[in-house]
N, C-alpha and C. Protein backbone atom coordinates (compact mmCIF):
# COMPACT_ATOMS: atom_id res chain seq x y z
N MET A 1 4.27 -8.60 5.55
CA MET A 1 3.31 -7.74 4.90
C MET A 1 2.03 -7.73 5.73
N ARG A 2 1.47 -6.60 5.94
CA ARG A 2 0.30 -6.42 6.78
C ARG A 2 -0.90 -7.23 6.27
N ALA A 3 -1.07 -7.30 4.96
CA ALA A 3 -2.22 -8.01 4.39
C ALA A 3 -2.16 -9.50 4.68
N LYS A 4 -0.96 -10.14 4.61
CA LYS A 4 -0.84 -11.57 4.88
C LYS A 4 -1.23 -11.88 6.31
N GLY A 5 -0.75 -11.08 7.25
CA GLY A 5 -1.11 -11.28 8.65
C GLY A 5 -2.60 -11.10 8.86
N PHE A 6 -3.17 -10.16 8.17
CA PHE A 6 -4.59 -9.91 8.29
C PHE A 6 -5.39 -11.09 7.75
N ILE A 7 -4.94 -11.67 6.63
CA ILE A 7 -5.63 -12.81 6.04
C ILE A 7 -5.59 -14.00 6.98
N VAL A 8 -4.45 -14.26 7.62
CA VAL A 8 -4.35 -15.35 8.59
C VAL A 8 -5.32 -15.08 9.74
N GLY A 9 -5.34 -13.86 10.24
CA GLY A 9 -6.26 -13.50 11.30
C GLY A 9 -7.71 -13.66 10.87
N LEU A 10 -7.99 -13.32 9.62
CA LEU A 10 -9.34 -13.46 9.07
C LEU A 10 -9.78 -14.91 9.09
N VAL A 11 -8.92 -15.81 8.67
CA VAL A 11 -9.25 -17.23 8.65
C VAL A 11 -9.48 -17.75 10.07
N ILE A 12 -8.63 -17.35 11.01
CA ILE A 12 -8.79 -17.78 12.40
C ILE A 12 -10.09 -17.24 12.97
N ALA A 13 -10.37 -15.97 12.75
CA ALA A 13 -11.61 -15.37 13.26
C ALA A 13 -12.83 -16.02 12.64
N ALA A 14 -12.74 -16.37 11.37
CA ALA A 14 -13.87 -17.03 10.70
C ALA A 14 -14.13 -18.39 11.33
N ALA A 15 -13.07 -19.12 11.65
CA ALA A 15 -13.23 -20.42 12.30
C ALA A 15 -13.87 -20.25 13.68
N VAL A 16 -13.44 -19.26 14.42
CA VAL A 16 -14.02 -18.99 15.74
C VAL A 16 -15.51 -18.65 15.60
N ALA A 17 -15.85 -17.82 14.62
CA ALA A 17 -17.24 -17.45 14.40
C ALA A 17 -18.09 -18.68 14.09
N ALA A 18 -17.56 -19.56 13.26
CA ALA A 18 -18.30 -20.77 12.92
C ALA A 18 -18.54 -21.62 14.16
N VAL A 19 -17.54 -21.70 15.04
CA VAL A 19 -17.71 -22.46 16.28
C VAL A 19 -18.75 -21.81 17.18
N VAL A 20 -18.70 -20.48 17.33
CA VAL A 20 -19.67 -19.76 18.16
C VAL A 20 -21.08 -19.97 17.63
N ILE A 21 -21.25 -19.83 16.34
CA ILE A 21 -22.58 -19.98 15.76
C ILE A 21 -23.04 -21.43 15.84
N ALA A 22 -22.14 -22.38 15.58
CA ALA A 22 -22.51 -23.79 15.69
C ALA A 22 -22.88 -24.15 17.11
N ALA A 23 -22.14 -23.64 18.08
CA ALA A 23 -22.43 -23.92 19.49
C ALA A 23 -23.79 -23.36 19.88
N SER A 24 -24.09 -22.16 19.40
CA SER A 24 -25.37 -21.56 19.77
C SER A 24 -26.52 -22.27 19.07
N SER A 25 -26.28 -22.84 17.90
CA SER A 25 -27.35 -23.55 17.22
C SER A 25 -27.60 -24.91 17.84
N GLY A 26 -26.69 -25.38 18.68
CA GLY A 26 -26.85 -26.65 19.35
C GLY A 26 -27.68 -26.54 20.61
N SER A 27 -28.05 -25.35 21.05
CA SER A 27 -28.85 -25.20 22.25
C SER A 27 -30.29 -25.58 21.96
N SER A 28 -31.04 -25.88 23.02
CA SER A 28 -32.41 -26.34 22.86
C SER A 28 -33.29 -25.22 22.31
N GLN A 29 -34.44 -25.61 21.75
CA GLN A 29 -35.37 -24.62 21.22
C GLN A 29 -35.88 -23.70 22.32
N GLU A 30 -36.03 -24.23 23.54
CA GLU A 30 -36.48 -23.40 24.64
C GLU A 30 -35.49 -22.30 24.94
N GLU A 31 -34.18 -22.63 24.89
CA GLU A 31 -33.14 -21.63 25.15
C GLU A 31 -33.11 -20.57 24.07
N GLN A 32 -33.41 -20.98 22.84
CA GLN A 32 -33.35 -20.05 21.73
C GLN A 32 -34.60 -19.19 21.62
N GLY A 33 -35.66 -19.58 22.29
CA GLY A 33 -36.90 -18.81 22.19
C GLY A 33 -37.48 -18.96 20.80
N ALA A 34 -37.88 -17.84 20.20
CA ALA A 34 -38.52 -17.88 18.88
C ALA A 34 -37.52 -18.01 17.75
N GLU A 35 -36.24 -17.85 18.01
CA GLU A 35 -35.24 -17.91 16.95
C GLU A 35 -35.05 -19.34 16.49
N SER A 36 -35.03 -19.56 15.18
CA SER A 36 -34.82 -20.90 14.67
C SER A 36 -33.34 -21.15 14.37
N GLU A 37 -32.61 -20.13 14.06
CA GLU A 37 -31.18 -20.27 13.78
C GLU A 37 -30.48 -18.94 14.05
N PRO A 38 -29.21 -18.99 14.51
CA PRO A 38 -28.51 -17.75 14.83
C PRO A 38 -28.09 -16.95 13.60
N ALA A 39 -27.89 -17.65 12.47
CA ALA A 39 -27.47 -16.95 11.26
C ALA A 39 -27.97 -17.71 10.04
N ARG A 40 -28.28 -16.95 9.01
CA ARG A 40 -28.60 -17.59 7.74
C ARG A 40 -28.03 -16.74 6.61
N VAL A 41 -27.76 -17.40 5.50
CA VAL A 41 -27.17 -16.73 4.34
C VAL A 41 -28.15 -16.89 3.18
N GLU A 42 -28.51 -15.76 2.57
CA GLU A 42 -29.43 -15.76 1.44
C GLU A 42 -28.74 -15.15 0.22
N PRO A 43 -28.71 -15.86 -0.90
CA PRO A 43 -28.15 -15.28 -2.12
C PRO A 43 -28.98 -14.08 -2.56
N ILE A 44 -28.32 -13.07 -3.12
CA ILE A 44 -29.01 -11.91 -3.66
C ILE A 44 -29.15 -12.14 -5.16
N LYS A 45 -30.39 -12.27 -5.61
CA LYS A 45 -30.65 -12.60 -7.01
C LYS A 45 -29.96 -11.63 -7.96
N GLY A 46 -29.40 -12.18 -9.02
CA GLY A 46 -28.76 -11.38 -10.05
C GLY A 46 -27.35 -10.92 -9.72
N THR A 47 -26.81 -11.37 -8.57
CA THR A 47 -25.45 -10.99 -8.18
C THR A 47 -24.71 -12.23 -7.68
N ASP A 48 -23.42 -12.06 -7.41
CA ASP A 48 -22.66 -13.14 -6.78
C ASP A 48 -22.54 -12.87 -5.27
N LEU A 49 -23.37 -11.98 -4.75
CA LEU A 49 -23.33 -11.61 -3.33
C LEU A 49 -24.41 -12.35 -2.55
N SER A 50 -24.21 -12.38 -1.24
CA SER A 50 -25.19 -12.97 -0.34
C SER A 50 -25.49 -12.00 0.79
N ARG A 51 -26.62 -12.19 1.38
CA ARG A 51 -27.04 -11.44 2.55
C ARG A 51 -26.85 -12.34 3.76
N VAL A 52 -26.12 -11.86 4.79
CA VAL A 52 -25.96 -12.60 6.03
C VAL A 52 -26.92 -11.98 7.03
N ILE A 53 -27.81 -12.80 7.54
CA ILE A 53 -28.82 -12.31 8.48
C ILE A 53 -28.58 -12.99 9.82
N LEU A 54 -28.36 -12.19 10.86
CA LEU A 54 -28.08 -12.70 12.19
C LEU A 54 -29.28 -12.51 13.11
N SER A 55 -29.40 -13.40 14.08
CA SER A 55 -30.37 -13.16 15.15
C SER A 55 -29.77 -12.07 16.04
N ALA A 56 -30.59 -11.43 16.83
CA ALA A 56 -30.10 -10.39 17.74
C ALA A 56 -29.07 -10.98 18.71
N ASP A 57 -29.33 -12.20 19.20
CA ASP A 57 -28.39 -12.83 20.13
C ASP A 57 -27.05 -13.12 19.46
N ALA A 58 -27.08 -13.60 18.21
CA ALA A 58 -25.83 -13.90 17.49
C ALA A 58 -25.03 -12.62 17.27
N ALA A 59 -25.69 -11.54 16.89
CA ALA A 59 -25.00 -10.27 16.67
C ALA A 59 -24.35 -9.79 17.96
N LYS A 60 -25.06 -9.97 19.06
CA LYS A 60 -24.52 -9.56 20.37
C LYS A 60 -23.31 -10.42 20.74
N ARG A 61 -23.42 -11.73 20.57
CA ARG A 61 -22.30 -12.63 20.89
C ARG A 61 -21.07 -12.31 20.04
N LEU A 62 -21.29 -11.96 18.77
CA LEU A 62 -20.17 -11.66 17.88
C LEU A 62 -19.64 -10.24 18.08
N GLY A 63 -20.36 -9.41 18.82
CA GLY A 63 -19.90 -8.05 19.10
C GLY A 63 -19.95 -7.14 17.89
N ILE A 64 -20.90 -7.34 16.99
CA ILE A 64 -20.99 -6.55 15.76
C ILE A 64 -21.14 -5.07 16.10
N LYS A 65 -20.30 -4.25 15.45
CA LYS A 65 -20.39 -2.78 15.57
C LYS A 65 -20.29 -2.19 14.17
N THR A 66 -20.93 -1.04 13.99
CA THR A 66 -20.90 -0.37 12.69
C THR A 66 -20.56 1.10 12.85
N ALA A 67 -20.18 1.71 11.74
CA ALA A 67 -19.95 3.16 11.65
C ALA A 67 -20.40 3.58 10.26
N ALA A 68 -20.73 4.84 10.10
CA ALA A 68 -21.20 5.35 8.81
C ALA A 68 -20.03 5.76 7.92
N VAL A 69 -20.18 5.50 6.62
CA VAL A 69 -19.25 6.03 5.63
C VAL A 69 -19.39 7.54 5.65
N THR A 70 -18.27 8.25 5.66
CA THR A 70 -18.33 9.71 5.63
C THR A 70 -17.78 10.21 4.31
N GLY A 71 -18.17 11.41 3.94
CA GLY A 71 -17.67 12.04 2.73
C GLY A 71 -16.54 12.98 3.07
N GLN A 72 -15.56 13.04 2.22
CA GLN A 72 -14.46 13.99 2.40
C GLN A 72 -14.26 14.66 1.04
N GLY A 73 -14.65 15.88 0.93
CA GLY A 73 -14.63 16.53 -0.37
C GLY A 73 -15.83 16.06 -1.17
N SER A 74 -15.84 16.34 -2.43
CA SER A 74 -17.02 16.02 -3.24
C SER A 74 -17.04 14.58 -3.72
N ARG A 75 -15.89 13.92 -3.81
CA ARG A 75 -15.87 12.59 -4.41
C ARG A 75 -15.32 11.50 -3.51
N ARG A 76 -14.58 11.85 -2.48
CA ARG A 76 -13.95 10.82 -1.66
C ARG A 76 -14.84 10.34 -0.53
N LYS A 77 -14.73 9.07 -0.25
CA LYS A 77 -15.45 8.46 0.86
C LYS A 77 -14.42 7.96 1.85
N VAL A 78 -14.78 7.97 3.13
CA VAL A 78 -13.86 7.53 4.18
C VAL A 78 -14.58 6.55 5.08
N ILE A 79 -13.88 5.45 5.41
CA ILE A 79 -14.40 4.47 6.37
C ILE A 79 -13.32 4.19 7.40
N PRO A 80 -13.70 3.71 8.57
CA PRO A 80 -12.67 3.30 9.52
C PRO A 80 -11.84 2.16 8.91
N TYR A 81 -10.53 2.18 9.15
CA TYR A 81 -9.68 1.12 8.60
C TYR A 81 -10.12 -0.25 9.09
N ASP A 82 -10.70 -0.31 10.28
CA ASP A 82 -11.19 -1.59 10.82
C ASP A 82 -12.29 -2.19 9.96
N ALA A 83 -12.92 -1.42 9.10
CA ALA A 83 -13.99 -1.92 8.24
C ALA A 83 -13.45 -2.52 6.94
N VAL A 84 -12.15 -2.39 6.68
CA VAL A 84 -11.55 -2.90 5.44
C VAL A 84 -11.17 -4.37 5.63
N ILE A 85 -11.62 -5.20 4.69
CA ILE A 85 -11.27 -6.63 4.68
C ILE A 85 -10.48 -6.90 3.41
N TYR A 86 -9.40 -7.67 3.56
CA TYR A 86 -8.57 -8.05 2.42
C TYR A 86 -8.86 -9.49 2.05
N ALA A 87 -9.22 -9.72 0.79
CA ALA A 87 -9.41 -11.07 0.29
C ALA A 87 -8.04 -11.69 0.00
N ALA A 88 -8.03 -13.00 -0.15
CA ALA A 88 -6.77 -13.70 -0.41
C ALA A 88 -6.08 -13.20 -1.68
N ASP A 89 -6.87 -12.75 -2.67
CA ASP A 89 -6.28 -12.26 -3.92
C ASP A 89 -5.87 -10.79 -3.85
N GLY A 90 -6.03 -10.16 -2.68
CA GLY A 90 -5.61 -8.77 -2.50
C GLY A 90 -6.71 -7.75 -2.73
N THR A 91 -7.86 -8.18 -3.23
CA THR A 91 -8.96 -7.24 -3.39
C THR A 91 -9.51 -6.86 -2.01
N THR A 92 -10.19 -5.74 -1.96
CA THR A 92 -10.71 -5.26 -0.68
C THR A 92 -12.23 -5.16 -0.72
N PHE A 93 -12.82 -5.35 0.44
CA PHE A 93 -14.25 -5.19 0.57
C PHE A 93 -14.57 -4.80 2.00
N THR A 94 -15.82 -4.48 2.23
CA THR A 94 -16.33 -4.17 3.56
C THR A 94 -17.71 -4.79 3.65
N TYR A 95 -18.20 -4.97 4.85
CA TYR A 95 -19.57 -5.42 5.02
C TYR A 95 -20.43 -4.21 5.35
N THR A 96 -21.51 -4.03 4.58
CA THR A 96 -22.47 -2.97 4.85
C THR A 96 -23.65 -3.56 5.62
N SER A 97 -24.40 -2.70 6.26
CA SER A 97 -25.59 -3.14 6.99
C SER A 97 -26.76 -2.30 6.50
N PRO A 98 -27.46 -2.77 5.45
CA PRO A 98 -28.57 -2.00 4.89
C PRO A 98 -29.74 -1.86 5.85
N LYS A 99 -29.88 -2.81 6.77
CA LYS A 99 -30.88 -2.69 7.83
C LYS A 99 -30.41 -3.52 9.01
N PRO A 100 -30.97 -3.31 10.19
CA PRO A 100 -30.47 -4.00 11.38
C PRO A 100 -30.41 -5.52 11.19
N LEU A 101 -29.28 -6.09 11.62
CA LEU A 101 -29.02 -7.53 11.61
C LEU A 101 -28.84 -8.13 10.22
N VAL A 102 -28.75 -7.28 9.19
CA VAL A 102 -28.54 -7.74 7.81
C VAL A 102 -27.23 -7.15 7.33
N PHE A 103 -26.37 -8.03 6.72
CA PHE A 103 -25.04 -7.61 6.31
C PHE A 103 -24.74 -8.12 4.91
N VAL A 104 -24.15 -7.24 4.09
CA VAL A 104 -23.84 -7.57 2.70
C VAL A 104 -22.40 -7.15 2.40
N ARG A 105 -21.64 -8.08 1.81
CA ARG A 105 -20.26 -7.78 1.41
C ARG A 105 -20.31 -6.79 0.24
N SER A 106 -19.48 -5.76 0.32
CA SER A 106 -19.46 -4.72 -0.71
C SER A 106 -18.02 -4.45 -1.14
N PRO A 107 -17.72 -4.58 -2.43
CA PRO A 107 -16.36 -4.30 -2.89
C PRO A 107 -16.01 -2.82 -2.70
N ILE A 108 -14.76 -2.57 -2.35
CA ILE A 108 -14.27 -1.19 -2.21
C ILE A 108 -12.90 -1.10 -2.86
N LYS A 109 -12.47 0.13 -3.16
CA LYS A 109 -11.11 0.39 -3.63
C LYS A 109 -10.50 1.40 -2.68
N VAL A 110 -9.45 0.97 -2.01
CA VAL A 110 -8.77 1.84 -1.05
C VAL A 110 -7.74 2.67 -1.80
N ARG A 111 -7.88 3.98 -1.69
CA ARG A 111 -6.95 4.91 -2.33
C ARG A 111 -5.77 5.18 -1.43
N ASP A 112 -6.02 5.29 -0.11
CA ASP A 112 -4.96 5.64 0.83
C ASP A 112 -5.40 5.26 2.24
N ILE A 113 -4.43 4.95 3.08
CA ILE A 113 -4.69 4.70 4.49
C ILE A 113 -4.05 5.84 5.26
N ARG A 114 -4.83 6.48 6.11
CA ARG A 114 -4.32 7.57 6.94
C ARG A 114 -4.70 7.28 8.39
N GLY A 115 -3.75 6.72 9.11
CA GLY A 115 -4.01 6.37 10.50
C GLY A 115 -5.07 5.29 10.59
N ASP A 116 -6.16 5.59 11.27
CA ASP A 116 -7.23 4.61 11.45
C ASP A 116 -8.36 4.81 10.44
N ARG A 117 -8.08 5.52 9.35
CA ARG A 117 -9.07 5.79 8.32
C ARG A 117 -8.60 5.29 6.96
N ALA A 118 -9.54 4.77 6.17
CA ALA A 118 -9.26 4.35 4.79
C ALA A 118 -10.00 5.29 3.86
N LEU A 119 -9.27 5.94 2.96
CA LEU A 119 -9.88 6.80 1.95
C LEU A 119 -10.17 5.94 0.74
N LEU A 120 -11.40 5.97 0.28
CA LEU A 120 -11.83 5.11 -0.81
C LEU A 120 -11.95 5.86 -2.12
N SER A 121 -11.58 5.19 -3.21
CA SER A 121 -11.85 5.74 -4.54
C SER A 121 -13.13 5.12 -5.09
N ALA A 122 -13.59 4.02 -4.48
CA ALA A 122 -14.86 3.39 -4.85
C ALA A 122 -15.39 2.64 -3.63
N GLY A 123 -16.69 2.72 -3.45
CA GLY A 123 -17.30 2.03 -2.32
C GLY A 123 -18.70 2.53 -2.07
N PRO A 124 -19.27 2.11 -0.95
CA PRO A 124 -20.65 2.50 -0.65
C PRO A 124 -20.78 4.01 -0.43
N PRO A 125 -21.97 4.55 -0.65
CA PRO A 125 -22.16 5.99 -0.50
C PRO A 125 -22.07 6.46 0.96
N ALA A 126 -21.80 7.74 1.12
CA ALA A 126 -21.75 8.34 2.45
C ALA A 126 -23.07 8.07 3.17
N GLY A 127 -22.95 7.79 4.46
CA GLY A 127 -24.11 7.48 5.27
C GLY A 127 -24.39 6.01 5.42
N THR A 128 -23.81 5.18 4.55
CA THR A 128 -24.01 3.73 4.63
C THR A 128 -23.31 3.20 5.87
N ALA A 129 -23.96 2.31 6.60
CA ALA A 129 -23.35 1.68 7.77
C ALA A 129 -22.42 0.57 7.31
N VAL A 130 -21.18 0.60 7.80
CA VAL A 130 -20.21 -0.47 7.52
C VAL A 130 -19.80 -1.12 8.84
N VAL A 131 -19.49 -2.40 8.78
CA VAL A 131 -19.13 -3.15 9.98
C VAL A 131 -17.68 -2.87 10.34
N THR A 132 -17.46 -2.46 11.59
CA THR A 132 -16.10 -2.18 12.08
C THR A 132 -15.61 -3.26 13.02
N VAL A 133 -16.50 -4.00 13.65
CA VAL A 133 -16.15 -5.11 14.51
C VAL A 133 -17.05 -6.27 14.14
N GLY A 134 -16.47 -7.41 13.83
CA GLY A 134 -17.22 -8.61 13.50
C GLY A 134 -17.22 -8.99 12.03
N SER A 135 -16.48 -8.25 11.20
CA SER A 135 -16.45 -8.56 9.76
C SER A 135 -15.91 -9.95 9.47
N GLN A 136 -14.87 -10.33 10.19
CA GLN A 136 -14.27 -11.65 9.95
C GLN A 136 -15.27 -12.75 10.26
N GLU A 137 -16.06 -12.56 11.30
CA GLU A 137 -17.07 -13.54 11.65
C GLU A 137 -18.18 -13.61 10.60
N LEU A 138 -18.55 -12.46 10.05
CA LEU A 138 -19.54 -12.45 8.97
C LEU A 138 -19.00 -13.17 7.75
N PHE A 139 -17.72 -12.94 7.45
CA PHE A 139 -17.08 -13.61 6.32
C PHE A 139 -17.12 -15.13 6.52
N GLY A 140 -16.77 -15.58 7.72
CA GLY A 140 -16.81 -17.00 8.03
C GLY A 140 -18.20 -17.57 7.91
N THR A 141 -19.19 -16.81 8.32
CA THR A 141 -20.58 -17.26 8.22
C THR A 141 -21.02 -17.31 6.76
N GLU A 142 -20.68 -16.27 6.01
CA GLU A 142 -21.08 -16.23 4.59
C GLU A 142 -20.50 -17.39 3.81
N TYR A 143 -19.26 -17.74 4.08
CA TYR A 143 -18.59 -18.80 3.34
C TYR A 143 -18.58 -20.13 4.07
N GLU A 144 -19.35 -20.20 5.18
CA GLU A 144 -19.50 -21.43 5.96
C GLU A 144 -18.19 -22.07 6.31
N VAL A 145 -17.27 -21.25 6.83
CA VAL A 145 -15.98 -21.76 7.29
C VAL A 145 -16.20 -22.41 8.63
N GLU A 146 -15.82 -23.67 8.74
CA GLU A 146 -16.00 -24.40 9.99
C GLU A 146 -14.70 -25.01 10.43
N GLU A 147 -14.56 -25.18 11.74
CA GLU A 147 -13.38 -25.81 12.30
C GLU A 147 -13.58 -27.32 12.23
N ASP A 148 -12.52 -28.06 11.88
CA ASP A 148 -12.62 -29.53 11.82
C ASP A 148 -12.66 -30.13 13.18
């Protein structure tokens, strides 16, 4: 099943992200310049969501890329399939970027997959930036997945 393989890949990518971020946080303050940490997670009051905030260097190392949600017809939204993340329980979400270097997990409902596009029945509005590369690393950072 495609989702199981994706979940295994998600866990591996999250572990890699934790190692990359941990390694970068081990560098001296001089090497980091003004940055105090490559990533931080802030809870969003009144929700069960968190905001993942990356330094510019961390975002570059992780290769974060985004694309805008597009509208198709009056009610459907479309995102690149690469922006779809499957949770272990089968629910789906994507990471949005409300402003540069800030990422928030957003629940979505996938109605259909057509090639490299996911048609949504629920999700962020058209024009919202969603993460297409680096979502697994953001997930690992948000949930503090670390390699033993």
